Protein backbone atom coordinates (compact mmCIF):
# COMPACT_ATOMS: atom_id res chain seq x y z
CA MET A 1 20.92 15.79 40.61
CA LYS A 2 18.34 13.57 42.20
CA LEU A 3 20.15 10.03 42.38
CA THR A 4 18.28 7.06 43.88
CA THR A 5 20.90 4.21 44.49
CA PHE A 6 19.83 0.51 44.71
CA THR A 7 21.66 -2.63 46.05
CA SER A 8 20.84 -4.78 43.10
CA ARG A 9 19.75 -4.38 39.42
CA GLU A 10 16.52 -6.24 40.49
CA SER A 11 15.48 -3.45 42.88
CA LEU A 12 16.25 -1.00 40.18
CA ILE A 13 14.17 -2.71 37.65
CA GLU A 14 11.28 -2.93 40.21
CA ALA A 15 11.69 0.91 40.99
CA ALA A 16 11.85 1.87 37.21
CA THR A 17 8.91 -0.06 36.33
CA GLU A 18 6.95 1.62 39.25
CA ARG A 19 8.01 5.05 38.12
CA LEU A 20 6.63 4.20 34.70
CA ALA A 21 3.48 2.71 35.74
CA THR A 22 2.77 5.48 38.20
CA ALA A 23 3.35 8.06 35.55
CA LEU A 24 1.23 6.34 33.11
CA ARG A 25 -1.67 6.09 35.58
CA ALA A 26 -1.26 9.66 36.48
CA GLY A 27 -1.51 10.75 32.56
CA ILE A 28 -4.71 8.68 32.23
CA ALA A 29 -6.26 10.29 35.14
CA ALA A 30 -5.53 13.99 34.16
CA ASN A 31 -6.06 13.55 30.25
CA GLY A 32 -7.72 10.17 29.76
CA GLU A 33 -4.60 9.22 28.04
CA ALA A 34 -0.81 8.60 28.62
CA TRP A 35 2.24 8.77 26.72
CA ALA A 36 5.87 7.38 27.50
CA ALA A 37 9.05 7.98 25.43
CA LEU A 38 10.98 4.90 25.51
CA SER A 39 14.97 4.15 24.92
CA GLY A 40 16.47 1.11 23.38
CA GLY A 41 19.34 -0.80 24.56
CA SER A 42 19.77 -3.95 26.93
CA THR A 43 19.43 -1.92 30.14
CA PRO A 44 15.61 -1.09 29.92
CA GLU A 45 14.56 -4.70 28.34
CA PRO A 46 13.76 -5.98 31.53
CA ILE A 47 12.03 -2.90 32.83
CA TYR A 48 9.80 -3.18 29.71
CA ARG A 49 8.84 -6.94 30.29
CA ALA A 50 7.93 -6.01 33.81
CA LEU A 51 5.78 -2.90 32.78
CA ALA A 52 3.96 -5.16 30.41
CA ALA A 53 2.82 -7.21 33.23
CA GLN A 54 1.40 -4.32 35.16
CA THR A 55 -2.41 -3.83 35.32
CA LEU A 56 -3.06 -0.86 33.14
CA ASP A 57 -5.64 0.62 30.90
CA TRP A 58 -3.29 -0.14 27.84
CA THR A 59 -5.61 1.00 25.44
CA LYS A 60 -5.25 4.36 26.49
CA ILE A 61 -1.58 4.32 26.39
CA THR A 62 0.80 5.23 23.56
CA PHE A 63 4.74 4.66 23.41
CA ALA A 64 7.06 6.84 21.50
CA LEU A 65 10.81 6.36 20.78
CA VAL A 66 13.45 8.42 22.25
CA ASP A 67 15.53 7.55 19.38
CA GLU A 68 15.96 5.03 16.59
CA ARG A 69 18.53 3.49 14.21
CA ASN A 70 18.08 4.22 10.61
CA VAL A 71 16.84 0.55 9.93
CA PRO A 72 13.76 -1.28 9.20
CA LEU A 73 11.53 -3.04 11.91
CA SER A 74 12.82 -6.39 10.67
CA SER A 75 16.25 -5.53 11.80
CA PRO A 76 17.76 -6.74 14.96
CA ALA A 77 19.09 -3.29 15.59
CA SER A 78 15.63 -1.53 15.52
CA ASN A 79 14.60 -0.02 18.82
CA GLU A 80 10.88 -0.14 18.12
CA ALA A 81 11.42 -3.95 17.30
CA LEU A 82 12.80 -4.37 20.86
CA ILE A 83 10.06 -2.27 22.24
CA GLU A 84 7.30 -4.30 20.39
CA ARG A 85 8.91 -7.58 21.72
CA THR A 86 9.30 -6.67 25.25
CA LEU A 87 6.10 -4.95 25.76
CA ALA A 88 4.12 -7.46 23.49
CA ALA A 89 1.48 -8.14 26.50
CA ALA A 90 0.69 -4.43 26.56
CA PHE A 91 0.36 -4.32 22.75
CA ASP A 92 -1.99 -7.44 22.75
CA ALA A 93 -4.03 -5.38 25.22
CA GLY A 94 -4.22 -2.23 23.11
CA ALA A 95 -1.30 0.06 23.71
CA GLU A 96 0.16 1.57 20.72
CA VAL A 97 3.63 2.72 19.56
CA LYS A 98 4.55 5.75 17.46
CA PRO A 99 7.22 4.72 14.83
CA MET A 100 10.36 7.08 14.17
CA TYR A 101 11.76 5.29 11.27
CA PHE A 102 10.43 5.52 7.89
CA ALA A 103 11.80 3.98 4.72
CA ALA A 104 13.10 7.10 2.89
CA GLU A 105 15.72 7.85 0.28
CA THR A 106 17.68 9.68 2.93
CA VAL A 107 17.93 9.68 6.95
CA GLY A 108 16.97 13.55 6.54
CA MET A 109 13.78 12.65 4.84
CA ALA A 110 12.84 9.91 7.36
CA ALA A 111 13.36 12.40 10.03
CA ASP A 112 10.82 14.77 8.21
CA TYR A 113 8.26 11.83 8.10
CA ALA A 114 9.04 11.48 11.79
CA GLU A 115 8.54 15.21 12.62
CA LEU A 116 5.05 15.24 11.49
CA LEU A 117 4.21 12.57 13.89
CA TYR A 118 6.33 13.84 16.67
CA ALA A 119 5.66 17.54 16.71
CA PRO A 120 2.58 17.64 18.45
CA LEU A 121 3.54 14.88 21.08
CA SER A 122 4.24 15.54 24.80
CA PHE A 123 5.22 12.76 27.36
CA ASP A 124 3.97 11.80 30.86
CA ILE A 125 7.58 10.38 31.18
CA ALA A 126 10.55 9.88 29.14
CA LEU A 127 13.06 6.80 30.16
CA MET A 128 16.48 7.66 29.22
CA GLY A 129 19.81 5.57 29.19
CA MET A 130 23.30 6.58 28.99
CA GLY A 131 26.68 5.44 27.13
CA GLU A 132 29.96 5.43 28.89
CA ASP A 133 31.08 8.11 26.43
CA GLY A 134 28.26 10.27 27.91
CA HIS A 135 25.72 10.04 25.43
CA THR A 136 21.92 9.69 25.75
CA ALA A 137 19.14 9.34 23.06
CA SER A 138 21.32 9.44 20.00
CA TRP A 139 23.13 12.52 21.02
CA PHE A 140 26.67 11.02 20.48
CA PRO A 141 29.53 13.11 20.95
CA SER A 142 30.84 14.99 18.17
CA ALA A 143 28.12 13.53 15.77
CA ARG A 144 26.93 15.40 12.62
CA GLY A 145 23.39 16.55 13.74
CA LEU A 146 24.12 16.93 17.47
CA ASP A 147 24.02 20.75 17.55
CA ASP A 148 20.71 20.57 16.14
CA ALA A 149 19.40 18.17 18.38
CA LEU A 150 20.97 20.09 21.52
CA SER A 151 20.37 23.69 20.53
CA GLU A 152 18.01 25.99 22.41
CA LYS A 153 17.06 27.51 19.13
CA THR A 154 15.81 24.21 17.53
CA ARG A 155 11.99 23.67 17.13
CA ARG A 156 12.13 20.46 15.56
CA SER A 157 11.27 17.32 17.69
CA VAL A 158 13.29 14.80 15.59
CA VAL A 159 16.39 15.43 13.75
CA ALA A 160 18.89 13.02 11.99
CA ILE A 161 22.21 12.19 13.35
CA ASN A 162 25.38 10.66 11.90
CA ALA A 163 27.62 9.06 14.70
CA PRO A 164 29.98 6.58 13.30
CA GLN A 165 30.68 5.55 16.92
CA ALA A 166 27.32 4.18 17.28
CA GLN A 167 26.32 0.47 17.41
CA GLY A 168 23.92 -0.82 15.12
CA SER A 169 24.04 2.35 12.59
CA ALA A 170 25.86 5.36 12.08
CA GLU A 171 22.65 7.03 10.95
CA ARG A 172 20.09 7.65 13.61
CA LEU A 173 17.07 9.49 14.32
CA THR A 174 16.56 11.26 17.79
CA LEU A 175 14.16 13.32 19.78
CA THR A 176 15.88 16.73 20.30
CA ARG A 177 16.23 18.65 23.37
CA ASN A 178 13.17 20.85 22.61
CA ALA A 179 10.87 17.41 22.38
CA LEU A 180 12.17 16.23 25.80
CA LYS A 181 11.29 19.42 27.21
CA ARG A 182 7.68 18.41 26.64
CA SER A 183 8.06 15.65 29.12
CA ARG A 184 6.45 16.10 32.67
CA ALA A 185 9.52 13.93 34.14
CA LEU A 186 12.81 12.39 32.70
CA LEU A 187 14.15 8.94 34.24
CA LEU A 188 17.61 8.44 33.45
CA VAL A 189 18.50 4.51 34.47
CA ILE A 190 22.46 3.73 34.47
CA THR A 191 24.13 0.68 35.76
CA GLY A 192 27.70 0.07 36.66
CA ASP A 193 30.29 2.24 38.58
CA ALA A 194 31.79 3.64 34.94
CA LYS A 195 28.71 5.03 34.12
CA ARG A 196 27.91 6.70 37.25
CA ALA A 197 31.54 8.12 37.35
CA ARG A 198 30.75 9.22 33.66
CA LEU A 199 27.74 11.11 34.59
CA GLU A 200 29.12 12.82 37.61
CA GLN A 201 31.95 13.96 35.43
CA ALA A 202 29.53 15.21 32.93
CA LEU A 203 27.61 17.23 35.07
CA ALA A 204 30.81 18.70 36.73
CA ALA A 205 32.70 19.49 33.42
CA GLN A 206 29.61 19.84 31.04
CA ASP A 207 31.73 17.90 28.64
CA ALA A 208 29.05 15.27 27.29
CA PRO A 209 25.59 15.50 26.01
CA VAL A 210 24.00 13.54 28.79
CA ALA A 211 24.44 16.99 30.71
CA ALA A 212 21.68 18.76 28.55
CA LEU A 213 19.12 16.74 30.35
CA PHE A 214 20.10 18.49 33.50
CA ALA A 215 19.68 22.21 32.18
CA PRO A 216 17.57 24.44 34.40
CA ASP A 217 15.05 24.81 31.58
CA MET A 218 14.36 20.73 31.30
CA PRO A 219 11.91 18.86 33.37
CA PRO A 220 12.94 17.17 36.39
CA VAL A 221 15.36 14.34 36.16
CA GLU A 222 15.61 11.30 38.47
CA VAL A 223 18.74 9.02 38.16
CA LEU A 224 18.08 5.27 39.10
CA TRP A 225 21.67 3.62 39.49
CA ALA A 226 22.72 -0.01 40.62
CA ALA A 227 26.36 -1.29 40.56
């Protein structure tokens, strides 16, 4: 595990912003466009606000979602809404976002619609978070659909998850391990002693979904941590 520690959360935010901006610039330089997959939650909010203030060619940048609650954009629980709000300046300057939620009869049907958009995508970087239960993306322990999300045999990029313990909505849509393998780099941002201890335990015991990010066939992961 490549672990970079910071003495303050402010310095962590600055470093995470720099990692994202550097990856996006590299993607534009190499391919004429750049893609980043972003997570929801309170931890990355200041990172996204800082990223939106960077000088980038936003017309060549598209954001995707690591996961999404099965709720419309109008819901305060929507990850897409959070991203659009915190990165508003980037979108005003020409950036785009690929939705993951679609109004459908079932969450499984919504995942099928999202699959059509996400199957062709690869990412210059994916920003991941982690809960104290060891989940990342919407890979919640014991969730229905978790096996499909993590299986090496799953060819899908988006699957439906049902996790009764999840905040905001038990029904979720999430990138699979297969989709995240198409990222050039993974950035895991965590704060607090409890989350660091849980991550270390997960990697030692392989007892939480976050450990799947560190499998040998996955892209390199850098962990950024501050108390």
